[in-house]
Amino acid sequence: MQPTNETLSGLQKIMQTSLWGIARKAKQNKSYRFGNLYGLINKEALYQAWKVKKSIKTFSLRCKDNRSKRIRRIVEMLNSKYRGYYNYYGVIGNSKGINEFYEATLKILYKWMNRRSQRKSFNWKEFSAKMKWYGLIKPKVVEKAYNQIRFEECFA
Protein backbone atom coordinates (compact mmCIF):
# COMPACT_ATOMS: atom_id res chain seq x y z
CA MET A 1 0.00 0.00 0.00
CA GLN A 2 1.44 3.34 -1.07
CA PRO A 3 0.88 6.46 1.05
CA THR A 4 -1.39 9.00 -0.55
CA ASN A 5 -0.76 12.73 -0.60
CA GLU A 6 -3.62 13.24 1.88
CA THR A 7 -1.87 11.11 4.53
CA LEU A 8 1.52 12.79 4.26
CA SER A 9 2.58 15.93 6.11
CA GLY A 10 4.58 18.68 4.40
CA LEU A 11 7.99 17.43 5.53
CA GLN A 12 7.16 13.87 4.55
CA LYS A 13 6.01 15.02 1.09
CA ILE A 14 9.29 16.86 0.58
CA MET A 15 11.35 13.87 1.72
CA GLN A 16 9.34 11.47 -0.40
CA THR A 17 9.48 13.69 -3.48
CA SER A 18 13.20 14.36 -3.21
CA LEU A 19 14.19 10.73 -2.69
CA TRP A 20 11.90 9.49 -5.44
CA GLY A 21 13.30 12.24 -7.67
CA ILE A 22 16.84 11.02 -7.02
CA ALA A 23 15.78 7.46 -7.82
CA ARG A 24 14.00 8.57 -11.02
CA LYS A 25 16.99 10.62 -12.22
CA ALA A 26 19.38 7.79 -11.43
CA LYS A 27 17.22 5.36 -13.41
CA GLN A 28 17.02 7.67 -16.44
CA ASN A 29 20.66 8.70 -16.52
CA LYS A 30 23.19 6.13 -15.28
CA SER A 31 25.97 8.73 -15.19
CA TYR A 32 24.01 10.73 -12.62
CA ARG A 33 26.12 11.43 -9.57
CA PHE A 34 23.93 9.40 -7.19
CA GLY A 35 23.44 6.56 -9.62
CA ASN A 36 24.55 3.96 -7.11
CA LEU A 37 21.69 4.97 -4.80
CA TYR A 38 19.06 3.71 -7.22
CA GLY A 39 19.55 0.12 -6.17
CA LEU A 40 19.21 1.08 -2.53
CA ILE A 41 16.25 3.44 -2.76
CA ASN A 42 12.90 2.11 -3.83
CA LYS A 43 9.31 3.01 -3.06
CA GLU A 44 8.76 0.06 -0.71
CA ALA A 45 11.79 0.96 1.42
CA LEU A 46 10.66 4.59 1.58
CA TYR A 47 7.19 3.53 2.62
CA GLN A 48 8.55 1.25 5.36
CA ALA A 49 10.74 4.08 6.69
CA TRP A 50 7.71 6.37 6.63
CA LYS A 51 5.66 3.84 8.62
CA VAL A 52 8.36 3.45 11.28
CA LYS A 53 8.71 7.22 11.62
CA LYS A 54 4.94 7.53 11.93
CA SER A 55 4.85 4.78 14.59
CA ILE A 56 7.51 6.54 16.63
CA LYS A 57 5.68 9.87 16.30
CA THR A 58 2.38 8.39 17.51
CA PHE A 59 4.27 6.68 20.35
CA SER A 60 5.73 10.05 21.37
CA LEU A 61 2.29 11.66 21.38
CA ARG A 62 0.90 8.77 23.42
CA CYS A 63 3.70 9.16 26.00
CA LYS A 64 3.10 12.91 26.17
CA ASP A 65 -0.62 12.45 26.76
CA ASN A 66 -0.20 9.76 29.43
CA ARG A 67 2.85 11.05 31.30
CA SER A 68 0.79 12.14 34.31
CA LYS A 69 -0.54 8.63 34.95
CA ARG A 70 0.97 6.10 37.31
CA ILE A 71 4.02 4.23 36.03
CA ARG A 72 2.25 0.88 36.32
CA ARG A 73 -0.56 2.10 34.02
CA ILE A 74 1.94 3.54 31.56
CA VAL A 75 3.89 0.26 31.42
CA GLU A 76 0.68 -1.78 30.97
CA MET A 77 -0.36 0.45 28.06
CA LEU A 78 3.12 0.30 26.52
CA ASN A 79 3.31 -3.46 26.87
CA SER A 80 0.08 -3.86 24.92
CA LYS A 81 1.39 -1.52 22.20
CA TYR A 82 4.76 -3.28 22.10
CA ARG A 83 3.08 -6.70 21.96
CA GLY A 84 1.02 -5.67 18.95
CA TYR A 85 4.04 -4.14 17.22
CA TYR A 86 6.17 -7.24 17.83
CA ASN A 87 3.40 -9.57 16.68
CA TYR A 88 3.12 -7.66 13.40
CA TYR A 89 6.76 -6.80 12.71
CA GLY A 90 8.48 -9.58 14.69
CA VAL A 91 9.30 -11.80 11.73
CA ILE A 92 12.53 -13.65 11.17
CA GLY A 93 15.14 -11.26 9.82
CA ASN A 94 13.63 -8.11 11.35
CA SER A 95 15.14 -8.27 14.82
CA LYS A 96 17.34 -5.27 14.04
CA GLY A 97 14.30 -3.21 13.05
CA ILE A 98 12.27 -4.01 16.15
CA ASN A 99 15.31 -3.41 18.37
CA GLU A 100 15.81 0.02 16.79
CA PHE A 101 12.12 0.79 17.36
CA TYR A 102 12.42 -0.34 20.99
CA GLU A 103 15.51 1.79 21.64
CA ALA A 104 13.96 4.88 20.04
CA THR A 105 10.71 4.51 21.96
CA LEU A 106 12.55 3.86 25.23
CA LYS A 107 14.44 7.15 24.81
CA ILE A 108 11.15 8.95 24.13
CA LEU A 109 9.57 7.38 27.20
CA TYR A 110 12.57 8.44 29.30
CA LYS A 111 12.23 12.00 28.02
CA TRP A 112 8.54 12.26 28.88
CA MET A 113 8.91 10.53 32.25
CA ASN A 114 11.47 13.18 33.21
CA ARG A 115 9.07 15.95 32.24
CA ARG A 116 6.51 14.97 34.85
CA SER A 117 7.81 17.56 37.31
CA GLN A 118 10.18 20.50 37.43
CA ARG A 119 13.11 18.38 38.58
CA LYS A 120 14.56 15.36 36.83
CA SER A 121 12.77 12.21 37.97
CA PHE A 122 15.20 9.56 36.78
CA ASN A 123 18.69 9.10 35.46
CA TRP A 124 19.10 6.41 32.81
CA LYS A 125 20.21 3.72 35.28
CA GLU A 126 17.24 4.33 37.59
CA PHE A 127 14.87 4.46 34.63
CA SER A 128 16.12 1.10 33.30
CA ALA A 129 15.78 -0.48 36.75
CA LYS A 130 12.26 0.92 37.15
CA MET A 131 11.15 -0.38 33.74
CA LYS A 132 12.59 -3.80 34.58
CA TRP A 133 10.78 -3.73 37.94
CA TYR A 134 7.44 -2.92 36.32
CA GLY A 135 7.97 -5.54 33.60
CA LEU A 136 8.35 -3.60 30.35
CA ILE A 137 8.68 -6.28 27.68
CA LYS A 138 11.76 -6.56 25.47
CA PRO A 139 11.64 -6.94 21.69
CA LYS A 140 11.48 -10.46 20.36
CA VAL A 141 10.88 -12.29 17.12
CA VAL A 142 7.57 -14.11 17.44
CA GLU A 143 7.62 -15.96 14.12
CA LYS A 144 8.66 -19.59 14.45
CA ALA A 145 11.39 -21.05 12.25
CA TYR A 146 9.38 -24.18 11.44
CA ASN A 147 6.79 -21.99 9.66
CA GLN A 148 9.41 -21.02 7.08
CA ILE A 149 9.90 -22.91 3.84
CA ARG A 150 13.37 -24.37 3.74
CA PHE A 151 15.50 -23.81 0.66
CA GLU A 152 16.46 -27.51 0.66
CA GLU A 153 12.79 -28.56 0.66
CA CYS A 154 12.03 -26.50 -2.43
CA PHE A 155 14.63 -28.27 -4.56
CA ALA A 156 14.63 -31.75 -3.07
C-alpha atoms as a PDB file:
ATOM      1  CA  MET A   1       0.000   0.000   0.000  1.00  0.00           C
ATOM      2  CA  GLN A   2       1.438   3.343  -1.072  1.00  0.00           C
ATOM      3  CA  PRO A   3       0.880   6.460   1.045  1.00  0.00           C
ATOM      4  CA  THR A   4      -1.391   9.005  -0.546  1.00  0.00           C
ATOM      5  CA  ASN A   5      -0.762  12.726  -0.597  1.00  0.00           C
ATOM      6  CA  GLU A   6      -3.625  13.240   1.879  1.00  0.00           C
ATOM      7  CA  THR A   7      -1.867  11.108   4.535  1.00  0.00           C
ATOM      8  CA  LEU A   8       1.524  12.795   4.260  1.00  0.00           C
ATOM      9  CA  SER A   9       2.580  15.930   6.109  1.00  0.00           C
ATOM     10  CA  GLY A  10       4.579  18.684   4.405  1.00  0.00           C
ATOM     11  CA  LEU A  11       7.994  17.431   5.526  1.00  0.00           C
ATOM     12  CA  GLN A  12       7.159  13.868   4.546  1.00  0.00           C
ATOM     13  CA  LYS A  13       6.011  15.025   1.090  1.00  0.00           C
ATOM     14  CA  ILE A  14       9.293  16.856   0.585  1.00  0.00           C
ATOM     15  CA  MET A  15      11.355  13.866   1.720  1.00  0.00           C
ATOM     16  CA  GLN A  16       9.336  11.466  -0.403  1.00  0.00           C
ATOM     17  CA  THR A  17       9.477  13.685  -3.478  1.00  0.00           C
ATOM     18  CA  SER A  18      13.196  14.365  -3.213  1.00  0.00           C
ATOM     19  CA  LEU A  19      14.189  10.730  -2.685  1.00  0.00           C
ATOM     20  CA  TRP A  20      11.905   9.488  -5.441  1.00  0.00           C
ATOM     21  CA  GLY A  21      13.299  12.244  -7.672  1.00  0.00           C
ATOM     22  CA  ILE A  22      16.844  11.020  -7.024  1.00  0.00           C
ATOM     23  CA  ALA A  23      15.781   7.464  -7.824  1.00  0.00           C
ATOM     24  CA  ARG A  24      14.002   8.572 -11.024  1.00  0.00           C
ATOM     25  CA  LYS A  25      16.991  10.618 -12.215  1.00  0.00           C
ATOM     26  CA  ALA A  26      19.382   7.786 -11.427  1.00  0.00           C
ATOM     27  CA  LYS A  27      17.224   5.363 -13.407  1.00  0.00           C
ATOM     28  CA  GLN A  28      17.016   7.666 -16.436  1.00  0.00           C
ATOM     29  CA  ASN A  29      20.658   8.698 -16.515  1.00  0.00           C
ATOM     30  CA  LYS A  30      23.192   6.134 -15.284  1.00  0.00           C
ATOM     31  CA  SER A  31      25.970   8.728 -15.193  1.00  0.00           C
ATOM     32  CA  TYR A  32      24.008  10.725 -12.622  1.00  0.00           C
ATOM     33  CA  ARG A  33      26.124  11.433  -9.569  1.00  0.00           C
ATOM     34  CA  PHE A  34      23.931   9.399  -7.191  1.00  0.00           C
ATOM     35  CA  GLY A  35      23.444   6.558  -9.623  1.00  0.00           C
ATOM     36  CA  ASN A  36      24.553   3.964  -7.113  1.00  0.00           C
ATOM     37  CA  LEU A  37      21.686   4.965  -4.804  1.00  0.00           C
ATOM     38  CA  TYR A  38      19.058   3.711  -7.219  1.00  0.00           C
ATOM     39  CA  GLY A  39      19.549   0.117  -6.173  1.00  0.00           C
ATOM     40  CA  LEU A  40      19.205   1.076  -2.530  1.00  0.00           C
ATOM     41  CA  ILE A  41      16.255   3.443  -2.762  1.00  0.00           C
ATOM     42  CA  ASN A  42      12.896   2.115  -3.833  1.00  0.00           C
ATOM     43  CA  LYS A  43       9.314   3.010  -3.063  1.00  0.00           C
ATOM     44  CA  GLU A  44       8.759   0.065  -0.711  1.00  0.00           C
ATOM     45  CA  ALA A  45      11.790   0.959   1.420  1.00  0.00           C
ATOM     46  CA  LEU A  46      10.660   4.585   1.575  1.00  0.00           C
ATOM     47  CA  TYR A  47       7.187   3.532   2.621  1.00  0.00           C
ATOM     48  CA  GLN A  48       8.554   1.249   5.360  1.00  0.00           C
ATOM     49  CA  ALA A  49      10.736   4.078   6.694  1.00  0.00           C
ATOM     50  CA  TRP A  50       7.715   6.374   6.626  1.00  0.00           C
ATOM     51  CA  LYS A  51       5.663   3.838   8.618  1.00  0.00           C
ATOM     52  CA  VAL A  52       8.362   3.449  11.282  1.00  0.00           C
ATOM     53  CA  LYS A  53       8.705   7.217  11.624  1.00  0.00           C
ATOM     54  CA  LYS A  54       4.938   7.530  11.927  1.00  0.00           C
ATOM     55  CA  SER A  55       4.851   4.779  14.591  1.00  0.00           C
ATOM     56  CA  ILE A  56       7.513   6.544  16.632  1.00  0.00           C
ATOM     57  CA  LYS A  57       5.675   9.874  16.299  1.00  0.00           C
ATOM     58  CA  THR A  58       2.379   8.385  17.512  1.00  0.00           C
ATOM     59  CA  PHE A  59       4.266   6.685  20.345  1.00  0.00           C
ATOM     60  CA  SER A  60       5.728  10.050  21.371  1.00  0.00           C
ATOM     61  CA  LEU A  61       2.290  11.664  21.384  1.00  0.00           C
ATOM     62  CA  ARG A  62       0.903   8.771  23.416  1.00  0.00           C
ATOM     63  CA  CYS A  63       3.700   9.159  26.000  1.00  0.00           C
ATOM     64  CA  LYS A  64       3.103  12.910  26.168  1.00  0.00           C
ATOM     65  CA  ASP A  65      -0.622  12.447  26.760  1.00  0.00           C
ATOM     66  CA  ASN A  66      -0.196   9.759  29.426  1.00  0.00           C
ATOM     67  CA  ARG A  67       2.847  11.052  31.301  1.00  0.00           C
ATOM     68  CA  SER A  68       0.793  12.143  34.314  1.00  0.00           C
ATOM     69  CA  LYS A  69      -0.540   8.631  34.947  1.00  0.00           C
ATOM     70  CA  ARG A  70       0.972   6.104  37.311  1.00  0.00           C
ATOM     71  CA  ILE A  71       4.017   4.234  36.034  1.00  0.00           C
ATOM     72  CA  ARG A  72       2.251   0.877  36.321  1.00  0.00           C
ATOM     73  CA  ARG A  73      -0.563   2.103  34.021  1.00  0.00           C
ATOM     74  CA  ILE A  74       1.943   3.535  31.555  1.00  0.00           C
ATOM     75  CA  VAL A  75       3.890   0.257  31.420  1.00  0.00           C
ATOM     76  CA  GLU A  76       0.683  -1.775  30.971  1.00  0.00           C
ATOM     77  CA  MET A  77      -0.360   0.450  28.064  1.00  0.00           C
ATOM     78  CA  LEU A  78       3.120   0.303  26.520  1.00  0.00           C
ATOM     79  CA  ASN A  79       3.306  -3.465  26.868  1.00  0.00           C
ATOM     80  CA  SER A  80       0.080  -3.858  24.916  1.00  0.00           C
ATOM     81  CA  LYS A  81       1.387  -1.520  22.202  1.00  0.00           C
ATOM     82  CA  TYR A  82       4.763  -3.283  22.103  1.00  0.00           C
ATOM     83  CA  ARG A  83       3.081  -6.701  21.962  1.00  0.00           C
ATOM     84  CA  GLY A  84       1.017  -5.668  18.950  1.00  0.00           C
ATOM     85  CA  TYR A  85       4.035  -4.142  17.222  1.00  0.00           C
ATOM     86  CA  TYR A  86       6.166  -7.245  17.832  1.00  0.00           C
ATOM     87  CA  ASN A  87       3.401  -9.572  16.678  1.00  0.00           C
ATOM     88  CA  TYR A  88       3.116  -7.660  13.404  1.00  0.00           C
ATOM     89  CA  TYR A  89       6.765  -6.803  12.707  1.00  0.00           C
ATOM     90  CA  GLY A  90       8.484  -9.579  14.687  1.00  0.00           C
ATOM     91  CA  VAL A  91       9.301 -11.796  11.733  1.00  0.00           C
ATOM     92  CA  ILE A  92      12.533 -13.650  11.175  1.00  0.00           C
ATOM     93  CA  GLY A  93      15.141 -11.261   9.816  1.00  0.00           C
ATOM     94  CA  ASN A  94      13.629  -8.105  11.348  1.00  0.00           C
ATOM     95  CA  SER A  95      15.140  -8.268  14.818  1.00  0.00           C
ATOM     96  CA  LYS A  96      17.344  -5.266  14.043  1.00  0.00           C
ATOM     97  CA  GLY A  97      14.298  -3.215  13.051  1.00  0.00           C
ATOM     98  CA  ILE A  98      12.268  -4.014  16.153  1.00  0.00           C
ATOM     99  CA  ASN A  99      15.312  -3.411  18.374  1.00  0.00           C
ATOM    100  CA  GLU A 100      15.805   0.019  16.793  1.00  0.00           C
ATOM    101  CA  PHE A 101      12.120   0.793  17.365  1.00  0.00           C
ATOM    102  CA  TYR A 102      12.423  -0.337  20.993  1.00  0.00           C
ATOM    103  CA  GLU A 103      15.512   1.788  21.642  1.00  0.00           C
ATOM    104  CA  ALA A 104      13.960   4.879  20.039  1.00  0.00           C
ATOM    105  CA  THR A 105      10.713   4.514  21.962  1.00  0.00           C
ATOM    106  CA  LEU A 106      12.552   3.865  25.231  1.00  0.00           C
ATOM    107  CA  LYS A 107      14.436   7.150  24.805  1.00  0.00           C
ATOM    108  CA  ILE A 108      11.149   8.950  24.125  1.00  0.00           C
ATOM    109  CA  LEU A 109       9.570   7.384  27.204  1.00  0.00           C
ATOM    110  CA  TYR A 110      12.573   8.445  29.298  1.00  0.00           C
ATOM    111  CA  LYS A 111      12.233  12.003  28.019  1.00  0.00           C
ATOM    112  CA  TRP A 112       8.544  12.257  28.876  1.00  0.00           C
ATOM    113  CA  MET A 113       8.911  10.532  32.246  1.00  0.00           C
ATOM    114  CA  ASN A 114      11.473  13.179  33.210  1.00  0.00           C
ATOM    115  CA  ARG A 115       9.073  15.950  32.238  1.00  0.00           C
ATOM    116  CA  ARG A 116       6.513  14.966  34.851  1.00  0.00           C
ATOM    117  CA  SER A 117       7.809  17.559  37.306  1.00  0.00           C
ATOM    118  CA  GLN A 118      10.185  20.501  37.434  1.00  0.00           C
ATOM    119  CA  ARG A 119      13.109  18.381  38.578  1.00  0.00           C
ATOM    120  CA  LYS A 120      14.556  15.362  36.831  1.00  0.00           C
ATOM    121  CA  SER A 121      12.765  12.209  37.971  1.00  0.00           C
ATOM    122  CA  PHE A 122      15.204   9.565  36.775  1.00  0.00           C
ATOM    123  CA  ASN A 123      18.690   9.104  35.456  1.00  0.00           C
ATOM    124  CA  TRP A 124      19.098   6.412  32.805  1.00  0.00           C
ATOM    125  CA  LYS A 125      20.206   3.717  35.276  1.00  0.00           C
ATOM    126  CA  GLU A 126      17.235   4.334  37.594  1.00  0.00           C
ATOM    127  CA  PHE A 127      14.871   4.460  34.633  1.00  0.00           C
ATOM    128  CA  SER A 128      16.117   1.102  33.305  1.00  0.00           C
ATOM    129  CA  ALA A 129      15.780  -0.478  36.750  1.00  0.00           C
ATOM    130  CA  LYS A 130      12.261   0.918  37.149  1.00  0.00           C
ATOM    131  CA  MET A 131      11.152  -0.382  33.744  1.00  0.00           C
ATOM    132  CA  LYS A 132      12.588  -3.801  34.584  1.00  0.00           C
ATOM    133  CA  TRP A 133      10.781  -3.729  37.940  1.00  0.00           C
ATOM    134  CA  TYR A 134       7.439  -2.921  36.317  1.00  0.00           C
ATOM    135  CA  GLY A 135       7.971  -5.536  33.595  1.00  0.00           C
ATOM    136  CA  LEU A 136       8.353  -3.601  30.353  1.00  0.00           C
ATOM    137  CA  ILE A 137       8.681  -6.279  27.679  1.00  0.00           C
ATOM    138  CA  LYS A 138      11.756  -6.561  25.475  1.00  0.00           C
ATOM    139  CA  PRO A 139      11.636  -6.937  21.690  1.00  0.00           C
ATOM    140  CA  LYS A 140      11.476 -10.465  20.361  1.00  0.00           C
ATOM    141  CA  VAL A 141      10.883 -12.290  17.121  1.00  0.00           C
ATOM    142  CA  VAL A 142       7.573 -14.112  17.437  1.00  0.00           C
ATOM    143  CA  GLU A 143       7.620 -15.962  14.124  1.00  0.00           C
ATOM    144  CA  LYS A 144       8.662 -19.594  14.445  1.00  0.00           C
ATOM    145  CA  ALA A 145      11.387 -21.050  12.253  1.00  0.00           C
ATOM    146  CA  TYR A 146       9.376 -24.183  11.443  1.00  0.00           C
ATOM    147  CA  ASN A 147       6.790 -21.989   9.665  1.00  0.00           C
ATOM    148  CA  GLN A 148       9.406 -21.019   7.083  1.00  0.00           C
ATOM    149  CA  ILE A 149       9.898 -22.914   3.845  1.00  0.00           C
ATOM    150  CA  ARG A 150      13.370 -24.370   3.742  1.00  0.00           C
ATOM    151  CA  PHE A 151      15.499 -23.808   0.657  1.00  0.00           C
ATOM    152  CA  GLU A 152      16.456 -27.506   0.660  1.00  0.00           C
ATOM    153  CA  GLU A 153      12.793 -28.558   0.659  1.00  0.00           C
ATOM    154  CA  CYS A 154      12.032 -26.502  -2.433  1.00  0.00           C
ATOM    155  CA  PHE A 155      14.632 -28.272  -4.559  1.00  0.00           C
ATOM    156  CA  ALA A 156      14.626 -31.745  -3.070  1.00  0.00           C
END
